N, C-alpha and C. Protein backbone atom coordinates (compact mmCIF):
# COMPACT_ATOMS: atom_id res chain seq x y z
N MET A 1 140.30 73.65 89.49
CA MET A 1 140.70 72.19 88.96
C MET A 1 142.17 72.52 88.22
N ARG A 2 142.96 71.65 88.73
CA ARG A 2 144.26 71.82 87.99
C ARG A 2 144.33 70.61 86.83
N LEU A 3 144.84 70.93 85.70
CA LEU A 3 145.17 70.16 84.50
C LEU A 3 146.47 69.68 84.38
N VAL A 4 147.08 68.65 84.13
CA VAL A 4 148.65 68.34 83.72
C VAL A 4 148.24 67.93 82.35
N VAL A 5 149.32 68.63 81.12
CA VAL A 5 149.06 68.40 79.97
C VAL A 5 150.86 67.64 79.50
N GLU A 6 150.38 66.41 79.29
CA GLU A 6 151.71 65.88 79.10
C GLU A 6 152.20 66.17 77.52
N PRO A 7 153.69 65.84 77.44
CA PRO A 7 154.23 66.28 75.92
C PRO A 7 153.67 65.58 74.91
N GLY A 8 152.92 64.70 75.14
CA GLY A 8 152.23 63.92 74.00
C GLY A 8 150.73 64.58 73.88
N GLY A 9 150.21 65.42 74.48
CA GLY A 9 149.09 66.17 74.53
C GLY A 9 148.39 65.22 75.48
N ARG A 10 148.26 64.37 75.83
CA ARG A 10 147.60 63.84 77.03
C ARG A 10 147.36 64.64 78.31
N VAL A 11 145.96 64.62 78.64
CA VAL A 11 145.69 65.51 80.09
C VAL A 11 145.24 64.80 80.93
N ARG A 12 145.77 64.93 82.00
CA ARG A 12 145.36 64.31 83.51
C ARG A 12 144.84 65.45 84.46
N CYS A 13 143.86 64.87 85.41
CA CYS A 13 143.33 65.54 86.37
C CYS A 13 142.78 64.77 87.38
N ARG A 14 142.47 65.25 88.63
CA ARG A 14 141.57 64.84 89.56
C ARG A 14 139.90 65.30 89.08
N TYR A 15 139.42 64.55 88.94
CA TYR A 15 137.99 64.59 88.16
C TYR A 15 137.11 65.77 88.83
N GLY A 16 136.81 66.58 88.01
CA GLY A 16 135.71 67.47 88.76
C GLY A 16 134.80 68.18 87.59
N GLU A 17 133.70 68.75 88.04
CA GLU A 17 132.90 69.29 86.99
C GLU A 17 133.15 70.82 86.78
N ALA A 18 134.24 71.49 87.29
CA ALA A 18 134.50 72.81 86.96
C ALA A 18 134.62 73.35 85.28
N ILE A 19 135.04 72.53 84.51
CA ILE A 19 135.14 72.52 83.19
C ILE A 19 134.41 71.23 82.59
N ASP A 20 134.09 71.34 81.39
CA ASP A 20 133.55 69.99 80.38
C ASP A 20 134.75 69.57 79.96
N LEU A 21 135.31 68.61 80.74
CA LEU A 21 136.65 67.74 80.17
C LEU A 21 136.21 67.13 78.78
N ALA A 22 135.04 66.49 78.32
CA ALA A 22 134.84 66.00 77.18
C ALA A 22 135.18 67.22 76.12
N ALA A 23 135.24 68.52 76.38
CA ALA A 23 135.72 69.48 75.23
C ALA A 23 137.34 69.24 74.97
N LEU A 24 138.07 68.38 75.87
CA LEU A 24 139.20 68.23 75.48
C LEU A 24 139.51 67.06 74.40
N GLY A 25 138.69 66.21 74.58
CA GLY A 25 138.49 65.02 73.73
C GLY A 25 137.93 63.96 73.94
N ALA A 26 138.43 62.54 73.80
CA ALA A 26 137.87 61.22 74.18
C ALA A 26 138.42 61.16 75.65
N LEU A 27 137.38 60.67 76.60
CA LEU A 27 137.77 61.02 78.04
C LEU A 27 138.12 59.40 78.62
N SER A 28 138.96 59.33 79.60
CA SER A 28 139.13 57.74 80.18
C SER A 28 138.84 58.21 81.60
N VAL A 29 138.37 57.71 82.27
CA VAL A 29 138.01 58.32 83.82
C VAL A 29 137.96 56.70 84.54
N ARG A 30 138.91 56.95 85.45
CA ARG A 30 139.22 55.48 86.14
C ARG A 30 139.11 56.36 87.95
N ARG A 31 138.66 55.43 88.65
CA ARG A 31 138.87 55.32 90.25
C ARG A 31 139.93 55.55 90.72
N ALA A 32 140.22 56.34 91.29
CA ALA A 32 141.65 56.32 91.98
C ALA A 32 141.60 56.05 93.71
N SER A 33 140.48 56.38 94.03
CA SER A 33 140.21 56.08 95.68
C SER A 33 139.05 55.66 95.87
N HIS A 34 138.50 55.60 97.26
CA HIS A 34 137.56 55.31 97.77
C HIS A 34 137.40 55.86 99.44
N VAL A 35 136.26 56.59 99.53
CA VAL A 35 136.00 57.32 100.72
C VAL A 35 135.09 56.78 101.40
N GLU A 36 135.33 55.72 102.80
CA GLU A 36 133.93 55.02 103.17
C GLU A 36 134.21 55.02 104.68
N PRO A 37 133.22 55.01 105.57
CA PRO A 37 133.17 54.77 106.89
C PRO A 37 133.80 53.33 107.33
N ASP A 38 134.05 53.25 108.60
CA ASP A 38 134.10 51.80 109.06
C ASP A 38 133.11 51.83 109.90
N GLY A 39 132.99 50.57 110.59
CA GLY A 39 131.81 50.42 111.56
C GLY A 39 131.74 51.04 112.80
N ALA A 40 133.05 51.99 113.16
CA ALA A 40 132.83 53.10 114.53
C ALA A 40 132.32 54.14 114.03
N GLY A 41 132.22 54.33 113.14
CA GLY A 41 131.57 55.74 112.27
C GLY A 41 132.68 56.45 111.54
N ALA A 42 134.29 56.08 111.81
CA ALA A 42 134.89 56.88 111.54
C ALA A 42 135.69 56.49 109.58
N TRP A 43 135.77 57.81 109.30
CA TRP A 43 136.25 57.70 108.02
C TRP A 43 137.77 57.72 107.37
N TRP A 44 137.64 56.92 106.29
CA TRP A 44 138.71 56.58 105.62
C TRP A 44 139.12 56.75 104.39
N ALA A 45 140.08 57.12 103.96
CA ALA A 45 140.65 57.56 102.62
C ALA A 45 141.32 56.24 101.92
N ASP A 46 140.96 55.29 101.33
CA ASP A 46 141.70 54.13 100.54
C ASP A 46 142.35 54.74 99.18
N LEU A 47 143.46 54.85 99.05
CA LEU A 47 144.15 55.26 97.86
C LEU A 47 144.74 54.19 97.08
N ALA A 48 144.13 52.81 97.53
CA ALA A 48 145.07 51.50 97.11
C ALA A 48 144.54 51.49 95.33
N PRO A 49 143.71 52.01 95.00
CA PRO A 49 143.25 52.09 93.48
C PRO A 49 144.57 52.72 92.78
N ALA A 50 145.13 53.73 93.40
CA ALA A 50 146.22 54.46 92.88
C ALA A 50 147.60 54.24 93.07
N GLY A 51 147.48 52.85 94.06
CA GLY A 51 148.81 52.99 94.69
C GLY A 51 149.24 53.21 95.84
N GLY A 52 148.30 53.64 96.23
CA GLY A 52 148.67 54.77 97.41
C GLY A 52 148.10 53.94 98.84
N PRO A 53 148.52 54.79 100.28
CA PRO A 53 148.19 54.39 101.51
C PRO A 53 146.55 54.21 101.64
N ARG A 54 146.29 53.87 102.76
CA ARG A 54 144.73 54.16 103.65
C ARG A 54 145.30 55.01 104.39
N LEU A 55 144.46 56.69 104.33
CA LEU A 55 144.60 57.39 104.96
C LEU A 55 143.37 57.41 106.21
N GLY A 56 143.69 57.68 107.31
CA GLY A 56 142.80 57.98 108.64
C GLY A 56 143.02 57.29 109.67
N PRO A 57 142.27 57.04 110.40
CA PRO A 57 140.88 57.81 110.29
C PRO A 57 140.30 59.15 110.64
N PHE A 58 139.24 59.53 110.07
CA PHE A 58 139.13 61.08 110.19
C PHE A 58 137.65 61.06 111.06
N ARG A 59 137.32 62.05 111.61
CA ARG A 59 136.27 62.16 112.45
C ARG A 59 134.97 62.44 111.53
N LEU A 60 135.36 63.56 110.50
CA LEU A 60 134.49 63.66 109.55
C LEU A 60 134.85 63.43 107.89
N ARG A 61 133.76 63.00 107.05
CA ARG A 61 133.99 62.87 105.83
C ARG A 61 134.66 63.81 104.77
N SER A 62 134.41 65.26 105.35
CA SER A 62 134.94 66.33 104.86
C SER A 62 136.38 66.18 104.86
N GLU A 63 137.10 65.86 106.07
CA GLU A 63 138.22 65.58 106.56
C GLU A 63 139.01 64.64 105.67
N ALA A 64 138.43 63.50 105.27
CA ALA A 64 138.84 62.42 104.72
C ALA A 64 138.88 62.67 102.82
N LEU A 65 137.79 63.41 102.77
CA LEU A 65 138.16 63.92 101.13
C LEU A 65 139.29 65.01 101.00
N ARG A 66 139.52 65.74 102.04
CA ARG A 66 140.44 66.67 101.70
C ARG A 66 141.90 65.92 101.82
N ALA A 67 142.19 64.96 102.62
CA ALA A 67 143.17 64.37 102.58
C ALA A 67 143.36 63.46 101.29
N GLU A 68 142.24 62.86 100.84
CA GLU A 68 142.23 62.01 99.50
C GLU A 68 142.88 63.11 98.30
N ALA A 69 142.20 64.19 98.24
CA ALA A 69 142.43 65.06 97.34
C ALA A 69 143.97 65.62 97.44
N GLY A 70 144.33 65.95 98.60
CA GLY A 70 145.76 66.41 98.80
C GLY A 70 146.54 65.38 98.32
N TRP A 71 146.23 64.01 98.74
CA TRP A 71 147.23 62.96 98.27
C TRP A 71 147.39 62.84 96.75
N LEU A 72 146.24 62.80 95.99
CA LEU A 72 146.02 62.83 94.65
C LEU A 72 146.59 63.70 93.98
N ASP A 73 146.53 64.79 94.54
CA ASP A 73 147.41 66.20 93.69
C ASP A 73 148.43 65.82 94.14
N GLU A 74 149.29 65.60 94.98
CA GLU A 74 150.75 65.51 95.37
C GLU A 74 151.34 64.43 94.69
N HIS A 75 150.69 63.25 94.53
CA HIS A 75 151.33 62.05 94.28
C HIS A 75 150.85 61.86 92.51
N LEU A 76 150.22 62.09 92.24
CA LEU A 76 149.45 61.71 90.89
C LEU A 76 149.58 63.18 89.96
N LEU A 77 149.87 64.34 90.53
CA LEU A 77 149.37 65.50 89.55
C LEU A 77 150.90 66.17 89.75
N GLY A 78 151.80 65.76 90.90
CA GLY A 78 152.82 66.54 91.09
C GLY A 78 152.58 67.57 92.00
N ALA A 79 153.52 68.17 92.63
CA ALA A 79 153.48 69.45 93.74
C ALA A 79 152.55 70.32 92.93
N ALA A 80 151.89 70.92 94.03
CA ALA A 80 151.19 72.10 93.52
C ALA A 80 151.96 73.23 93.24
N PRO A 81 151.62 74.01 91.98
CA PRO A 81 152.42 75.73 91.79
C PRO A 81 152.62 76.21 92.75
N GLY A 82 153.69 76.86 92.90
CA GLY A 82 154.38 77.66 93.97
C GLY A 82 153.26 78.89 94.20
């Protein structure tokens, strides 16, 4: 889990349960995307809530989840550390 600490002390991350985020202070959690199947059984990652694109189609839900996580990490948290 990657945490981005802003100069004012605000912490941003892609939600996960690897650490107890409440230990950092008051939480504000909001949805950044939706991963859903279409009528044909293909999976899509809709990043519209975060101002992003619709990614897909993917054959497997796990593929859509990986694409979703990658886009969020790159565009909302900045490029991954080298």
